[in-house]
All heavy atoms as atom14 arrays in JSON, in Angstrom:
{
  "sequence": "VTDLGPPQWMPEDAAQEWERVMPILAERRILSVADLGSL",
  "atom14_mask": [
    [1, 1, 1, 1, 1, 1, 1, 0, 0, 0, 0, 0, 0, 0],
    [1, 1, 1, 1, 1, 1, 1, 0, 0, 0, 0, 0, 0, 0],
    [1, 1, 1, 1, 1, 1, 1, 1, 0, 0, 0, 0, 0, 0],
    [1, 1, 1, 1, 1, 1, 1, 1, 0, 0, 0, 0, 0, 0],
    [1, 1, 1, 1, 0, 0, 0, 0, 0, 0, 0, 0, 0, 0],
    [1, 1, 1, 1, 1, 1, 1, 0, 0, 0, 0, 0, 0, 0],
    [1, 1, 1, 1, 1, 1, 1, 0, 0, 0, 0, 0, 0, 0],
    [1, 1, 1, 1, 1, 1, 1, 1, 1, 0, 0, 0, 0, 0],
    [1, 1, 1, 1, 1, 1, 1, 1, 1, 1, 1, 1, 1, 1],
    [1, 1, 1, 1, 1, 1, 1, 1, 0, 0, 0, 0, 0, 0],
    [1, 1, 1, 1, 1, 1, 1, 0, 0, 0, 0, 0, 0, 0],
    [1, 1, 1, 1, 1, 1, 1, 1, 1, 0, 0, 0, 0, 0],
    [1, 1, 1, 1, 1, 1, 1, 1, 0, 0, 0, 0, 0, 0],
    [1, 1, 1, 1, 1, 0, 0, 0, 0, 0, 0, 0, 0, 0],
    [1, 1, 1, 1, 1, 0, 0, 0, 0, 0, 0, 0, 0, 0],
    [1, 1, 1, 1, 1, 1, 1, 1, 1, 0, 0, 0, 0, 0],
    [1, 1, 1, 1, 1, 1, 1, 1, 1, 0, 0, 0, 0, 0],
    [1, 1, 1, 1, 1, 1, 1, 1, 1, 1, 1, 1, 1, 1],
    [1, 1, 1, 1, 1, 1, 1, 1, 1, 0, 0, 0, 0, 0],
    [1, 1, 1, 1, 1, 1, 1, 1, 1, 1, 1, 0, 0, 0],
    [1, 1, 1, 1, 1, 1, 1, 0, 0, 0, 0, 0, 0, 0],
    [1, 1, 1, 1, 1, 1, 1, 1, 0, 0, 0, 0, 0, 0],
    [1, 1, 1, 1, 1, 1, 1, 0, 0, 0, 0, 0, 0, 0],
    [1, 1, 1, 1, 1, 1, 1, 1, 0, 0, 0, 0, 0, 0],
    [1, 1, 1, 1, 1, 1, 1, 1, 0, 0, 0, 0, 0, 0],
    [1, 1, 1, 1, 1, 0, 0, 0, 0, 0, 0, 0, 0, 0],
    [1, 1, 1, 1, 1, 1, 1, 1, 1, 0, 0, 0, 0, 0],
    [1, 1, 1, 1, 1, 1, 1, 1, 1, 1, 1, 0, 0, 0],
    [1, 1, 1, 1, 1, 1, 1, 1, 1, 1, 1, 0, 0, 0],
    [1, 1, 1, 1, 1, 1, 1, 1, 0, 0, 0, 0, 0, 0],
    [1, 1, 1, 1, 1, 1, 1, 1, 0, 0, 0, 0, 0, 0],
    [1, 1, 1, 1, 1, 1, 0, 0, 0, 0, 0, 0, 0, 0],
    [1, 1, 1, 1, 1, 1, 1, 0, 0, 0, 0, 0, 0, 0],
    [1, 1, 1, 1, 1, 0, 0, 0, 0, 0, 0, 0, 0, 0],
    [1, 1, 1, 1, 1, 1, 1, 1, 0, 0, 0, 0, 0, 0],
    [1, 1, 1, 1, 1, 1, 1, 1, 0, 0, 0, 0, 0, 0],
    [1, 1, 1, 1, 0, 0, 0, 0, 0, 0, 0, 0, 0, 0],
    [1, 1, 1, 1, 1, 1, 0, 0, 0, 0, 0, 0, 0, 0],
    [1, 1, 1, 1, 1, 1, 1, 1, 0, 0, 0, 0, 0, 0]
  ],
  "atom14_positions": [
    [[-2.49, 2.12, -9.07], [-2.15, 0.85, -8.44], [-3.38, 0.42, -7.64], [-3.89, 1.17, -6.82], [-0.94, 1.01, -7.51], [-0.64, -0.29, -6.79], [0.27, 1.49, -8.28], [0.0, 0.0, 0.0], [0.0, 0.0, 0.0], [0.0, 0.0, 0.0], [0.0, 0.0, 0.0], [0.0, 0.0, 0.0], [0.0, 0.0, 0.0], [0.0, 0.0, 0.0]],
    [[-3.87, -0.78, -7.92], [-5.1, -1.22, -7.24], [-4.93, -2.47, -6.4], [-5.78, -2.77, -5.59], [-6.23, -1.46, -8.26], [-5.78, -2.44, -9.2], [-6.61, -0.18, -8.97], [0.0, 0.0, 0.0], [0.0, 0.0, 0.0], [0.0, 0.0, 0.0], [0.0, 0.0, 0.0], [0.0, 0.0, 0.0], [0.0, 0.0, 0.0], [0.0, 0.0, 0.0]],
    [[-3.86, -3.21, -6.59], [-3.7, -4.44, -5.8], [-2.22, -4.75, -5.68], [-1.62, -5.27, -6.62], [-4.44, -5.6, -6.46], [-4.43, -6.84, -5.58], [-4.29, -6.7, -4.36], [-4.57, -7.95, -6.13], [0.0, 0.0, 0.0], [0.0, 0.0, 0.0], [0.0, 0.0, 0.0], [0.0, 0.0, 0.0], [0.0, 0.0, 0.0], [0.0, 0.0, 0.0]],
    [[-1.66, -4.4, -4.55], [-0.24, -4.62, -4.34], [-0.02, -4.92, -2.87], [-0.44, -4.15, -2.0], [0.55, -3.37, -4.75], [2.06, -3.45, -4.74], [2.55, -4.5, -5.74], [2.65, -2.09, -5.06], [0.0, 0.0, 0.0], [0.0, 0.0, 0.0], [0.0, 0.0, 0.0], [0.0, 0.0, 0.0], [0.0, 0.0, 0.0], [0.0, 0.0, 0.0]],
    [[0.62, -6.03, -2.6], [0.92, -6.4, -1.22], [2.11, -5.63, -0.69], [2.86, -5.01, -1.45], [0.0, 0.0, 0.0], [0.0, 0.0, 0.0], [0.0, 0.0, 0.0], [0.0, 0.0, 0.0], [0.0, 0.0, 0.0], [0.0, 0.0, 0.0], [0.0, 0.0, 0.0], [0.0, 0.0, 0.0], [0.0, 0.0, 0.0], [0.0, 0.0, 0.0]],
    [[2.31, -5.66, 0.62], [3.45, -4.95, 1.2], [4.77, -5.57, 0.77], [4.84, -6.77, 0.48], [3.23, -5.11, 2.71], [2.39, -6.32, 2.85], [1.53, -6.38, 1.62], [0.0, 0.0, 0.0], [0.0, 0.0, 0.0], [0.0, 0.0, 0.0], [0.0, 0.0, 0.0], [0.0, 0.0, 0.0], [0.0, 0.0, 0.0], [0.0, 0.0, 0.0]],
    [[5.82, -4.78, 0.71], [7.13, -5.32, 0.36], [7.56, -6.39, 1.37], [7.23, -6.3, 2.56], [8.07, -4.11, 0.44], [7.18, -2.91, 0.37], [5.87, -3.32, 0.93], [0.0, 0.0, 0.0], [0.0, 0.0, 0.0], [0.0, 0.0, 0.0], [0.0, 0.0, 0.0], [0.0, 0.0, 0.0], [0.0, 0.0, 0.0], [0.0, 0.0, 0.0]],
    [[8.31, -7.38, 0.91], [8.74, -8.48, 1.78], [9.62, -7.99, 2.92], [9.61, -8.57, 4.0], [9.51, -9.53, 0.95], [8.63, -10.25, -0.06], [7.55, -11.09, 0.63], [7.81, -11.76, 1.61], [6.35, -11.03, 0.1], [0.0, 0.0, 0.0], [0.0, 0.0, 0.0], [0.0, 0.0, 0.0], [0.0, 0.0, 0.0], [0.0, 0.0, 0.0]],
    [[10.38, -6.94, 2.71], [11.31, -6.44, 3.72], [10.63, -5.64, 4.82], [11.24, -5.33, 5.83], [12.39, -5.57, 3.07], [11.84, -4.45, 2.24], [11.65, -4.45, 0.89], [11.37, -3.18, 2.7], [11.11, -3.26, 0.47], [10.93, -2.45, 1.57], [11.29, -2.57, 3.95], [10.41, -1.16, 1.66], [10.77, -1.29, 4.04], [10.34, -0.6, 2.9]],
    [[9.37, -5.3, 4.64], [8.69, -4.41, 5.57], [8.4, -5.12, 6.89], [7.92, -6.24, 6.89], [7.38, -3.91, 4.92], [6.7, -2.8, 5.68], [5.33, -2.08, 4.73], [6.2, -0.85, 3.78], [0.0, 0.0, 0.0], [0.0, 0.0, 0.0], [0.0, 0.0, 0.0], [0.0, 0.0, 0.0], [0.0, 0.0, 0.0], [0.0, 0.0, 0.0]],
    [[8.69, -4.45, 8.03], [8.38, -5.05, 9.33], [6.88, -5.35, 9.48], [6.04, -4.74, 8.82], [8.81, -3.99, 10.34], [9.78, -3.12, 9.59], [9.34, -3.16, 8.16], [0.0, 0.0, 0.0], [0.0, 0.0, 0.0], [0.0, 0.0, 0.0], [0.0, 0.0, 0.0], [0.0, 0.0, 0.0], [0.0, 0.0, 0.0], [0.0, 0.0, 0.0]],
    [[6.56, -6.26, 10.38], [5.18, -6.76, 10.52], [4.16, -5.66, 10.81], [3.11, -5.61, 10.18], [5.12, -7.82, 11.62], [3.75, -8.42, 11.78], [3.68, -9.48, 12.88], [4.75, -9.9, 13.38], [2.56, -9.87, 13.23], [0.0, 0.0, 0.0], [0.0, 0.0, 0.0], [0.0, 0.0, 0.0], [0.0, 0.0, 0.0], [0.0, 0.0, 0.0]],
    [[4.46, -4.78, 11.77], [3.5, -3.71, 12.1], [3.26, -2.8, 10.9], [2.12, -2.38, 10.64], [3.99, -2.89, 13.29], [3.85, -3.63, 14.61], [2.98, -4.5, 14.72], [4.64, -3.32, 15.53], [0.0, 0.0, 0.0], [0.0, 0.0, 0.0], [0.0, 0.0, 0.0], [0.0, 0.0, 0.0], [0.0, 0.0, 0.0], [0.0, 0.0, 0.0]],
    [[4.3, -2.48, 10.15], [4.16, -1.64, 8.97], [3.38, -2.36, 7.88], [2.52, -1.76, 7.21], [5.54, -1.22, 8.46], [0.0, 0.0, 0.0], [0.0, 0.0, 0.0], [0.0, 0.0, 0.0], [0.0, 0.0, 0.0], [0.0, 0.0, 0.0], [0.0, 0.0, 0.0], [0.0, 0.0, 0.0], [0.0, 0.0, 0.0], [0.0, 0.0, 0.0]],
    [[3.65, -3.66, 7.7], [2.93, -4.44, 6.68], [1.44, -4.53, 7.01], [0.6, -4.5, 6.11], [3.55, -5.84, 6.58], [0.0, 0.0, 0.0], [0.0, 0.0, 0.0], [0.0, 0.0, 0.0], [0.0, 0.0, 0.0], [0.0, 0.0, 0.0], [0.0, 0.0, 0.0], [0.0, 0.0, 0.0], [0.0, 0.0, 0.0], [0.0, 0.0, 0.0]],
    [[1.11, -4.63, 8.29], [-0.31, -4.66, 8.68], [-1.0, -3.35, 8.31], [-2.15, -3.36, 7.86], [-0.44, -4.93, 10.17], [-0.11, -6.34, 10.56], [-0.12, -6.55, 12.06], [-0.23, -5.6, 12.85], [0.01, -7.8, 12.48], [0.0, 0.0, 0.0], [0.0, 0.0, 0.0], [0.0, 0.0, 0.0], [0.0, 0.0, 0.0], [0.0, 0.0, 0.0]],
    [[-0.31, -2.22, 8.48], [-0.89, -0.94, 8.1], [-1.06, -0.85, 6.59], [-2.07, -0.36, 6.1], [-0.04, 0.22, 8.62], [-0.61, 1.59, 8.34], [-1.93, 1.87, 9.06], [-2.36, 1.09, 9.93], [-2.54, 2.91, 8.76], [0.0, 0.0, 0.0], [0.0, 0.0, 0.0], [0.0, 0.0, 0.0], [0.0, 0.0, 0.0], [0.0, 0.0, 0.0]],
    [[-0.09, -1.37, 5.85], [-0.18, -1.41, 4.38], [-1.45, -2.16, 3.98], [-2.22, -1.7, 3.13], [1.05, -2.09, 3.81], [1.08, -2.21, 2.31], [0.28, -3.01, 1.54], [1.95, -1.54, 1.41], [0.61, -2.88, 0.21], [1.63, -1.98, 0.11], [2.99, -0.62, 1.58], [2.32, -1.52, -1.01], [3.66, -0.17, 0.46], [3.31, -0.62, -0.82]],
    [[-1.65, -3.32, 4.57], [-2.81, -4.15, 4.23], [-4.12, -3.49, 4.64], [-5.15, -3.73, 4.03], [-2.66, -5.53, 4.86], [-1.54, -6.33, 4.19], [-1.2, -7.62, 4.91], [-1.77, -7.91, 5.99], [-0.33, -8.35, 4.39], [0.0, 0.0, 0.0], [0.0, 0.0, 0.0], [0.0, 0.0, 0.0], [0.0, 0.0, 0.0], [0.0, 0.0, 0.0]],
    [[-4.08, -2.63, 5.64], [-5.28, -1.91, 6.08], [-5.64, -0.77, 5.12], [-6.81, -0.6, 4.76], [-5.09, -1.36, 7.49], [-6.34, -0.72, 8.09], [-6.06, -0.08, 9.43], [-5.34, 1.17, 9.31], [-5.9, 2.34, 8.98], [-7.2, 2.41, 8.72], [-5.19, 3.43, 8.89], [0.0, 0.0, 0.0], [0.0, 0.0, 0.0], [0.0, 0.0, 0.0]],
    [[-4.63, 0.0, 4.67], [-4.93, 1.19, 3.87], [-4.91, 0.96, 2.37], [-5.53, 1.73, 1.63], [-3.99, 2.38, 4.22], [-4.14, 2.78, 5.67], [-2.57, 2.1, 3.86], [0.0, 0.0, 0.0], [0.0, 0.0, 0.0], [0.0, 0.0, 0.0], [0.0, 0.0, 0.0], [0.0, 0.0, 0.0], [0.0, 0.0, 0.0], [0.0, 0.0, 0.0]],
    [[-4.22, -0.07, 1.91], [-4.15, -0.31, 0.46], [-5.53, -0.47, -0.18], [-5.78, 0.14, -1.24], [-3.25, -1.5, 0.16], [-3.04, -1.71, -1.32], [-2.49, -0.2, -2.14], [-1.31, -0.83, -3.25], [0.0, 0.0, 0.0], [0.0, 0.0, 0.0], [0.0, 0.0, 0.0], [0.0, 0.0, 0.0], [0.0, 0.0, 0.0], [0.0, 0.0, 0.0]],
    [[-6.46, -1.23, 0.41], [-7.79, -1.31, -0.22], [-8.51, 0.04, -0.29], [-9.22, 0.32, -1.26], [-8.55, -2.29, 0.69], [-7.49, -3.08, 1.38], [-6.33, -2.15, 1.54], [0.0, 0.0, 0.0], [0.0, 0.0, 0.0], [0.0, 0.0, 0.0], [0.0, 0.0, 0.0], [0.0, 0.0, 0.0], [0.0, 0.0, 0.0], [0.0, 0.0, 0.0]],
    [[-8.29, 0.89, 0.71], [-8.91, 2.22, 0.71], [-8.36, 3.04, -0.45], [-9.12, 3.67, -1.21], [-8.63, 2.93, 2.05], [-9.28, 2.18, 3.21], [-9.1, 4.38, 2.0], [-8.79, 2.6, 4.58], [0.0, 0.0, 0.0], [0.0, 0.0, 0.0], [0.0, 0.0, 0.0], [0.0, 0.0, 0.0], [0.0, 0.0, 0.0], [0.0, 0.0, 0.0]],
    [[-7.05, 3.05, -0.6], [-6.42, 3.82, -1.68], [-6.73, 3.23, -3.05], [-6.92, 3.96, -4.02], [-4.91, 3.88, -1.45], [-4.47, 4.6, -0.17], [-2.98, 4.43, 0.04], [-4.85, 6.07, -0.24], [0.0, 0.0, 0.0], [0.0, 0.0, 0.0], [0.0, 0.0, 0.0], [0.0, 0.0, 0.0], [0.0, 0.0, 0.0], [0.0, 0.0, 0.0]],
    [[-6.81, 1.91, -3.12], [-7.13, 1.25, -4.39], [-8.54, 1.61, -4.84], [-8.77, 1.87, -6.02], [-6.97, -0.25, -4.25], [0.0, 0.0, 0.0], [0.0, 0.0, 0.0], [0.0, 0.0, 0.0], [0.0, 0.0, 0.0], [0.0, 0.0, 0.0], [0.0, 0.0, 0.0], [0.0, 0.0, 0.0], [0.0, 0.0, 0.0], [0.0, 0.0, 0.0]],
    [[-9.46, 1.64, -3.9], [-10.85, 1.98, -4.23], [-10.96, 3.41, -4.77], [-11.72, 3.68, -5.68], [-11.73, 1.83, -2.99], [-13.19, 2.14, -3.24], [-14.02, 2.0, -1.98], [-13.69, 1.16, -1.13], [-15.0, 2.75, -1.86], [0.0, 0.0, 0.0], [0.0, 0.0, 0.0], [0.0, 0.0, 0.0], [0.0, 0.0, 0.0], [0.0, 0.0, 0.0]],
    [[-10.16, 4.3, -4.23], [-10.18, 5.71, -4.67], [-9.44, 5.92, -5.99], [-9.58, 6.97, -6.61], [-9.56, 6.59, -3.6], [-10.36, 6.63, -2.34], [-9.71, 7.53, -1.34], [-10.35, 7.4, -0.05], [-9.79, 7.75, 1.08], [-8.58, 8.26, 1.09], [-10.44, 7.59, 2.21], [0.0, 0.0, 0.0], [0.0, 0.0, 0.0], [0.0, 0.0, 0.0]],
    [[-8.62, 4.97, -6.38], [-7.85, 5.03, -7.64], [-7.02, 6.31, -7.75], [-7.04, 6.98, -8.79], [-8.77, 4.87, -8.84], [-9.52, 3.55, -8.83], [-10.17, 3.23, -10.14], [-9.25, 3.16, -11.25], [-8.5, 2.11, -11.58], [-8.56, 1.01, -10.87], [-7.69, 2.14, -12.64], [0.0, 0.0, 0.0], [0.0, 0.0, 0.0], [0.0, 0.0, 0.0]],
    [[-6.28, 6.62, -6.69], [-5.44, 7.81, -6.72], [-3.97, 7.48, -6.51], [-3.12, 8.35, -6.63], [-5.87, 8.83, -5.63], [-5.81, 8.21, -4.25], [-7.24, 9.39, -5.94], [-6.01, 9.19, -3.13], [0.0, 0.0, 0.0], [0.0, 0.0, 0.0], [0.0, 0.0, 0.0], [0.0, 0.0, 0.0], [0.0, 0.0, 0.0], [0.0, 0.0, 0.0]],
    [[-3.66, 6.22, -6.24], [-2.29, 5.83, -5.93], [-1.56, 5.39, -7.19], [-1.94, 4.4, -7.82], [-2.3, 4.69, -4.9], [-0.96, 4.3, -4.3], [-0.44, 5.44, -3.41], [-1.1, 3.03, -3.49], [0.0, 0.0, 0.0], [0.0, 0.0, 0.0], [0.0, 0.0, 0.0], [0.0, 0.0, 0.0], [0.0, 0.0, 0.0], [0.0, 0.0, 0.0]],
    [[-0.53, 6.13, -7.57], [0.25, 5.76, -8.74], [1.56, 5.11, -8.28], [1.9, 5.14, -7.1], [0.55, 6.99, -9.6], [1.51, 7.81, -8.97], [0.0, 0.0, 0.0], [0.0, 0.0, 0.0], [0.0, 0.0, 0.0], [0.0, 0.0, 0.0], [0.0, 0.0, 0.0], [0.0, 0.0, 0.0], [0.0, 0.0, 0.0], [0.0, 0.0, 0.0]],
    [[2.3, 4.57, -9.21], [3.59, 3.97, -8.89], [4.5, 5.0, -8.24], [5.27, 4.68, -7.33], [4.22, 3.37, -10.17], [5.64, 2.91, -9.92], [3.37, 2.22, -10.7], [0.0, 0.0, 0.0], [0.0, 0.0, 0.0], [0.0, 0.0, 0.0], [0.0, 0.0, 0.0], [0.0, 0.0, 0.0], [0.0, 0.0, 0.0], [0.0, 0.0, 0.0]],
    [[4.4, 6.25, -8.66], [5.22, 7.31, -8.09], [4.9, 7.58, -6.62], [5.73, 8.12, -5.89], [5.04, 8.6, -8.9], [0.0, 0.0, 0.0], [0.0, 0.0, 0.0], [0.0, 0.0, 0.0], [0.0, 0.0, 0.0], [0.0, 0.0, 0.0], [0.0, 0.0, 0.0], [0.0, 0.0, 0.0], [0.0, 0.0, 0.0], [0.0, 0.0, 0.0]],
    [[3.71, 7.18, -6.17], [3.29, 7.43, -4.78], [3.67, 6.3, -3.83], [3.46, 6.42, -2.62], [1.77, 7.61, -4.72], [1.3, 8.74, -5.61], [1.97, 9.78, -5.64], [0.26, 8.57, -6.27], [0.0, 0.0, 0.0], [0.0, 0.0, 0.0], [0.0, 0.0, 0.0], [0.0, 0.0, 0.0], [0.0, 0.0, 0.0], [0.0, 0.0, 0.0]],
    [[4.2, 5.22, -4.35], [4.49, 4.06, -3.5], [5.51, 4.38, -2.41], [5.43, 3.84, -1.3], [4.93, 2.87, -4.34], [3.85, 2.26, -5.21], [4.41, 1.11, -6.05], [2.66, 1.78, -4.39], [0.0, 0.0, 0.0], [0.0, 0.0, 0.0], [0.0, 0.0, 0.0], [0.0, 0.0, 0.0], [0.0, 0.0, 0.0], [0.0, 0.0, 0.0]],
    [[6.46, 5.25, -2.69], [7.43, 5.65, -1.67], [6.75, 6.33, -0.5], [7.1, 6.07, 0.66], [0.0, 0.0, 0.0], [0.0, 0.0, 0.0], [0.0, 0.0, 0.0], [0.0, 0.0, 0.0], [0.0, 0.0, 0.0], [0.0, 0.0, 0.0], [0.0, 0.0, 0.0], [0.0, 0.0, 0.0], [0.0, 0.0, 0.0], [0.0, 0.0, 0.0]],
    [[5.78, 7.19, -0.78], [5.04, 7.85, 0.31], [4.25, 6.84, 1.12], [4.19, 6.93, 2.35], [4.1, 8.91, -0.25], [4.83, 9.98, -0.8], [0.0, 0.0, 0.0], [0.0, 0.0, 0.0], [0.0, 0.0, 0.0], [0.0, 0.0, 0.0], [0.0, 0.0, 0.0], [0.0, 0.0, 0.0], [0.0, 0.0, 0.0], [0.0, 0.0, 0.0]],
    [[3.63, 5.88, 0.44], [2.89, 4.84, 1.15], [3.83, 4.0, 2.01], [3.52, 3.7, 3.17], [2.12, 3.95, 0.17], [1.34, 2.8, 0.78], [0.31, 3.29, 1.8], [0.68, 1.97, -0.31], [0.0, 0.0, 0.0], [0.0, 0.0, 0.0], [0.0, 0.0, 0.0], [0.0, 0.0, 0.0], [0.0, 0.0, 0.0], [0.0, 0.0, 0.0]]
  ]
}
């Protein structure tokens, strides 16, 4: 998974963290669909 925004239901503080770390994980290309729950 390389480009995915935070879920709509996610609270604002959590969504901000998603937006901060998602580019890091996307660059490393280690995040699969199965890992989205952990994220």
